[in-house]
Amino acid sequence: MKPGEEETAGSGTARAKETTQQPTVGRIVNYCFGVSGKAAETRAALITFAPPGAKAITLRVFSPTNTRDEVIEALYSETLKPGCWSWPERV
């Protein structure tokens, strides 16, 4: 599935893809921060640069202790994995 696609319930057991979310500047996403020898952590990130059609976007990843935010270029992943971003879960 591509960054702007999301699965929605269809008729019966079928599921259809609906394009709704696009990575644009100012949106909040999740970033999976992986550190060697430690478990991966999910952190909030702000999209700071997202050229149309680009595979990677630029994020400002927030530190939980406010000691250092990081600017990172990352690829989209439907399932969060280290070094990638994804949309927050809908509640």
C-alpha atoms as a PDB file:
ATOM      1  CA  MET A   1       0.000   0.000   0.000  1.00  0.00           C
ATOM      2  CA  LYS A   2       1.251   3.520  -0.833  1.00  0.00           C
ATOM      3  CA  PRO A   3       1.513   6.437   1.650  1.00  0.00           C
ATOM      4  CA  GLY A   4      -1.767   8.030   0.603  1.00  0.00           C
ATOM      5  CA  GLU A   5      -3.790   4.819   0.574  1.00  0.00           C
ATOM      6  CA  GLU A   6      -5.846   3.424   3.401  1.00  0.00           C
ATOM      7  CA  GLU A   7      -7.994   0.328   3.620  1.00  0.00           C
ATOM      8  CA  THR A   8     -11.697   0.777   4.220  1.00  0.00           C
ATOM      9  CA  ALA A   9     -14.451  -1.767   4.731  1.00  0.00           C
ATOM     10  CA  GLY A  10     -16.176  -2.820   1.552  1.00  0.00           C
ATOM     11  CA  SER A  11     -19.204  -4.975   0.925  1.00  0.00           C
ATOM     12  CA  GLY A  12     -19.092  -8.411   2.559  1.00  0.00           C
ATOM     13  CA  THR A  13     -15.530  -9.493   3.347  1.00  0.00           C
ATOM     14  CA  ALA A  14     -13.911  -7.495   0.545  1.00  0.00           C
ATOM     15  CA  ARG A  15     -11.816  -4.470   1.456  1.00  0.00           C
ATOM     16  CA  ALA A  16     -11.297  -1.549  -0.891  1.00  0.00           C
ATOM     17  CA  LYS A  17      -8.411   0.909  -0.981  1.00  0.00           C
ATOM     18  CA  GLU A  18      -9.337   4.558  -0.656  1.00  0.00           C
ATOM     19  CA  THR A  19      -6.856   7.362  -1.202  1.00  0.00           C
ATOM     20  CA  THR A  20      -7.361   9.929   1.573  1.00  0.00           C
ATOM     21  CA  GLN A  21      -4.181  10.840   3.450  1.00  0.00           C
ATOM     22  CA  GLN A  22      -1.231  12.507   1.777  1.00  0.00           C
ATOM     23  CA  PRO A  23       2.014  13.496   3.504  1.00  0.00           C
ATOM     24  CA  THR A  24       2.001  17.298   3.614  1.00  0.00           C
ATOM     25  CA  VAL A  25       4.003  19.843   5.579  1.00  0.00           C
ATOM     26  CA  GLY A  26       2.715  20.353   9.117  1.00  0.00           C
ATOM     27  CA  ARG A  27       1.097  16.943   9.622  1.00  0.00           C
ATOM     28  CA  ILE A  28       1.979  14.734  12.583  1.00  0.00           C
ATOM     29  CA  VAL A  29       3.079  11.142  11.907  1.00  0.00           C
ATOM     30  CA  ASN A  30       4.733   8.310  13.821  1.00  0.00           C
ATOM     31  CA  TYR A  31       8.421   7.578  13.335  1.00  0.00           C
ATOM     32  CA  CYS A  32      10.065   4.346  14.446  1.00  0.00           C
ATOM     33  CA  PHE A  33      13.403   5.219  15.993  1.00  0.00           C
ATOM     34  CA  GLY A  34      15.734   2.222  16.199  1.00  0.00           C
ATOM     35  CA  VAL A  35      18.956   2.367  18.206  1.00  0.00           C
ATOM     36  CA  SER A  36      21.518  -0.405  17.966  1.00  0.00           C
ATOM     37  CA  GLY A  37      21.179  -2.785  20.914  1.00  0.00           C
ATOM     38  CA  LYS A  38      17.868  -1.284  22.120  1.00  0.00           C
ATOM     39  CA  ALA A  39      14.215  -1.930  21.330  1.00  0.00           C
ATOM     40  CA  ALA A  40      12.691   0.333  18.676  1.00  0.00           C
ATOM     41  CA  GLU A  41      10.688   3.315  19.946  1.00  0.00           C
ATOM     42  CA  THR A  42       7.767   5.069  18.303  1.00  0.00           C
ATOM     43  CA  ARG A  43       8.048   8.849  18.426  1.00  0.00           C
ATOM     44  CA  ALA A  44       5.911  11.727  17.213  1.00  0.00           C
ATOM     45  CA  ALA A  45       7.258  13.530  14.173  1.00  0.00           C
ATOM     46  CA  LEU A  46       6.285  16.605  12.181  1.00  0.00           C
ATOM     47  CA  ILE A  47       6.478  16.575   8.382  1.00  0.00           C
ATOM     48  CA  THR A  48       8.740  19.474   7.383  1.00  0.00           C
ATOM     49  CA  PHE A  49       9.246  18.705   3.673  1.00  0.00           C
ATOM     50  CA  ALA A  50       7.173  16.455   1.425  1.00  0.00           C
ATOM     51  CA  PRO A  51       7.614  16.990  -2.308  1.00  0.00           C
ATOM     52  CA  PRO A  52       4.688  15.582  -4.342  1.00  0.00           C
ATOM     53  CA  GLY A  53       5.425  12.054  -5.533  1.00  0.00           C
ATOM     54  CA  ALA A  54       8.642  11.712  -3.495  1.00  0.00           C
ATOM     55  CA  LYS A  55       9.442   8.359  -1.898  1.00  0.00           C
ATOM     56  CA  ALA A  56      11.030   9.946   1.199  1.00  0.00           C
ATOM     57  CA  ILE A  57       9.879  12.906   3.290  1.00  0.00           C
ATOM     58  CA  THR A  58      11.723  15.042   5.830  1.00  0.00           C
ATOM     59  CA  LEU A  59      10.632  14.832   9.464  1.00  0.00           C
ATOM     60  CA  ARG A  60      11.449  16.593  12.723  1.00  0.00           C
ATOM     61  CA  VAL A  61      11.334  13.740  15.221  1.00  0.00           C
ATOM     62  CA  PHE A  62      10.544  14.862  18.761  1.00  0.00           C
ATOM     63  CA  SER A  63      12.609  13.700  21.715  1.00  0.00           C
ATOM     64  CA  PRO A  64      10.604  12.485  24.725  1.00  0.00           C
ATOM     65  CA  THR A  65      12.933  14.387  27.053  1.00  0.00           C
ATOM     66  CA  ASN A  66      13.168  17.570  24.948  1.00  0.00           C
ATOM     67  CA  THR A  67      16.935  17.210  24.902  1.00  0.00           C
ATOM     68  CA  ARG A  68      17.358  16.921  21.147  1.00  0.00           C
ATOM     69  CA  ASP A  69      14.949  16.755  18.232  1.00  0.00           C
ATOM     70  CA  GLU A  70      16.239  15.169  15.064  1.00  0.00           C
ATOM     71  CA  VAL A  71      15.672  16.004  11.413  1.00  0.00           C
ATOM     72  CA  ILE A  72      15.431  12.798   9.433  1.00  0.00           C
ATOM     73  CA  GLU A  73      14.586  11.785   5.883  1.00  0.00           C
ATOM     74  CA  ALA A  74      12.410   8.677   6.021  1.00  0.00           C
ATOM     75  CA  LEU A  75      10.414   6.312   3.849  1.00  0.00           C
ATOM     76  CA  TYR A  76       6.794   5.326   4.467  1.00  0.00           C
ATOM     77  CA  SER A  77       5.935   1.896   5.888  1.00  0.00           C
ATOM     78  CA  GLU A  78       2.381   0.661   6.433  1.00  0.00           C
ATOM     79  CA  THR A  79       3.622  -1.330   9.427  1.00  0.00           C
ATOM     80  CA  LEU A  80       6.025   0.712  11.523  1.00  0.00           C
ATOM     81  CA  LYS A  81       9.631  -0.468  11.280  1.00  0.00           C
ATOM     82  CA  PRO A  82      12.923   1.212  12.306  1.00  0.00           C
ATOM     83  CA  GLY A  83      13.845   4.164  10.143  1.00  0.00           C
ATOM     84  CA  CYS A  84      10.353   4.560   8.634  1.00  0.00           C
ATOM     85  CA  TRP A  85       7.287   6.665   9.271  1.00  0.00           C
ATOM     86  CA  SER A  86       3.587   5.773   9.275  1.00  0.00           C
ATOM     87  CA  TRP A  87       0.241   7.370   9.989  1.00  0.00           C
ATOM     88  CA  PRO A  88      -0.954   7.364  13.607  1.00  0.00           C
ATOM     89  CA  GLU A  89      -3.646   4.805  14.392  1.00  0.00           C
ATOM     90  CA  ARG A  90      -7.193   6.074  14.279  1.00  0.00           C
ATOM     91  CA  VAL A  91      -8.922   5.931  17.633  1.00  0.00           C
END
